[in-house]
Protein backbone atom coordinates (compact mmCIF):
# COMPACT_ATOMS: atom_id res chain seq x y z
CA MET A 1 -7.47 14.69 -26.57
CA ALA A 2 -7.20 12.76 -23.32
CA LEU A 3 -10.25 12.47 -21.12
CA PHE A 4 -8.20 12.44 -17.94
CA LYS A 5 -5.12 14.46 -17.22
CA LYS A 6 -2.17 12.63 -15.72
CA ARG A 7 -1.42 13.89 -12.25
CA THR A 8 2.24 14.75 -12.49
CA VAL A 9 2.81 16.71 -9.29
CA GLY A 10 1.89 15.40 -5.87
CA LYS A 11 1.12 17.36 -2.77
CA PRO A 12 4.16 18.60 -0.86
CA GLY A 13 5.48 15.86 1.39
CA GLU A 14 3.77 12.93 -0.38
CA TRP A 15 5.99 9.88 -0.66
CA PHE A 16 5.22 6.64 -2.48
CA TYR A 17 6.81 3.22 -2.86
CA CYS A 18 6.90 2.00 -6.47
CA LEU A 19 6.30 -1.76 -6.66
CA GLU A 20 7.54 -2.00 -10.24
CA HIS A 21 10.87 -0.27 -9.66
CA GLY A 22 11.30 -1.10 -5.96
CA LYS A 23 12.11 2.48 -5.04
CA VAL A 24 10.79 5.43 -3.08
CA GLU A 25 9.37 8.33 -5.08
CA GLU A 26 8.40 11.83 -4.08
CA GLY A 27 5.10 12.54 -5.75
CA PRO A 28 3.23 10.13 -8.00
CA ASP A 29 5.82 9.35 -10.68
CA CYS A 30 4.51 5.89 -11.56
CA PRO A 31 0.90 4.81 -12.20
CA GLY A 32 -1.29 4.19 -9.16
CA LYS A 33 -1.50 0.46 -9.89
CA ASN A 34 2.26 0.21 -9.27
CA ARG A 35 2.63 2.20 -6.08
CA MET A 36 1.80 2.18 -2.38
CA GLY A 37 1.13 5.36 -0.47
CA PRO A 38 1.07 8.22 0.08
CA TYR A 39 3.27 8.18 3.14
CA GLY A 40 4.19 11.15 5.31
CA SER A 41 7.94 10.70 4.97
CA ARG A 42 10.60 9.09 2.82
CA GLU A 43 11.42 6.71 5.67
CA GLU A 44 7.81 5.47 5.96
CA ALA A 45 7.68 4.87 2.21
CA ARG A 46 11.01 3.03 2.34
CA HIS A 47 9.47 0.55 4.80
CA ALA A 48 6.22 0.10 2.82
CA MET A 49 6.76 -3.59 2.04
CA GLN A 50 7.66 -4.45 5.65
CA THR A 51 4.65 -2.50 6.92
CA ALA A 52 2.39 -4.43 4.53
CA ALA A 53 3.93 -7.76 5.58
CA ASP A 54 3.48 -6.91 9.27
CA ARG A 55 -0.16 -5.95 8.73
CA ASN A 56 -0.85 -9.10 6.71
CA LEU A 57 0.63 -11.27 9.45
CA GLU A 58 -1.43 -9.44 12.06
CA TRP A 59 -4.63 -10.01 10.06
CA GLU A 60 -3.79 -13.65 9.30
CA THR A 61 -3.31 -14.42 12.97
CA ASP A 62 -6.31 -12.44 14.23
CA PRO A 63 -8.72 -14.96 15.80
CA ARG A 64 -11.71 -12.81 14.84
CA TRP A 65 -11.05 -13.69 11.16
CA HIS A 66 -10.45 -17.39 11.74
CA ASP A 67 -13.48 -18.57 13.66
CA LYS A 68 -15.13 -21.90 12.78
CA ALA A 69 -18.37 -20.26 11.67
CA GLY A 70 -16.47 -18.13 9.14
CA ARG A 71 -15.07 -21.26 7.45
CA GLY A 72 -18.45 -22.95 7.22
CA GLU A 73 -17.65 -25.48 9.97
CA ASP A 74 -20.00 -26.38 12.81
CA GLU A 75 -19.01 -25.32 16.30
């Protein structure tokens, strides 16, 4: 007997992007470790990788995260 039940049906309108299969899914078809979401629409889920890339670039170029003190350097 399994300790945890697999969640097979998502909430209405939940969309995910599966990293393993590279596709949009309605509801959690694949394991959580392989998906991004939930998103409010199919279109948002379809752009999950671009959204992540945009956010990463924004964080990497944010001067608040790249100050000298944060890298252990003297001012």
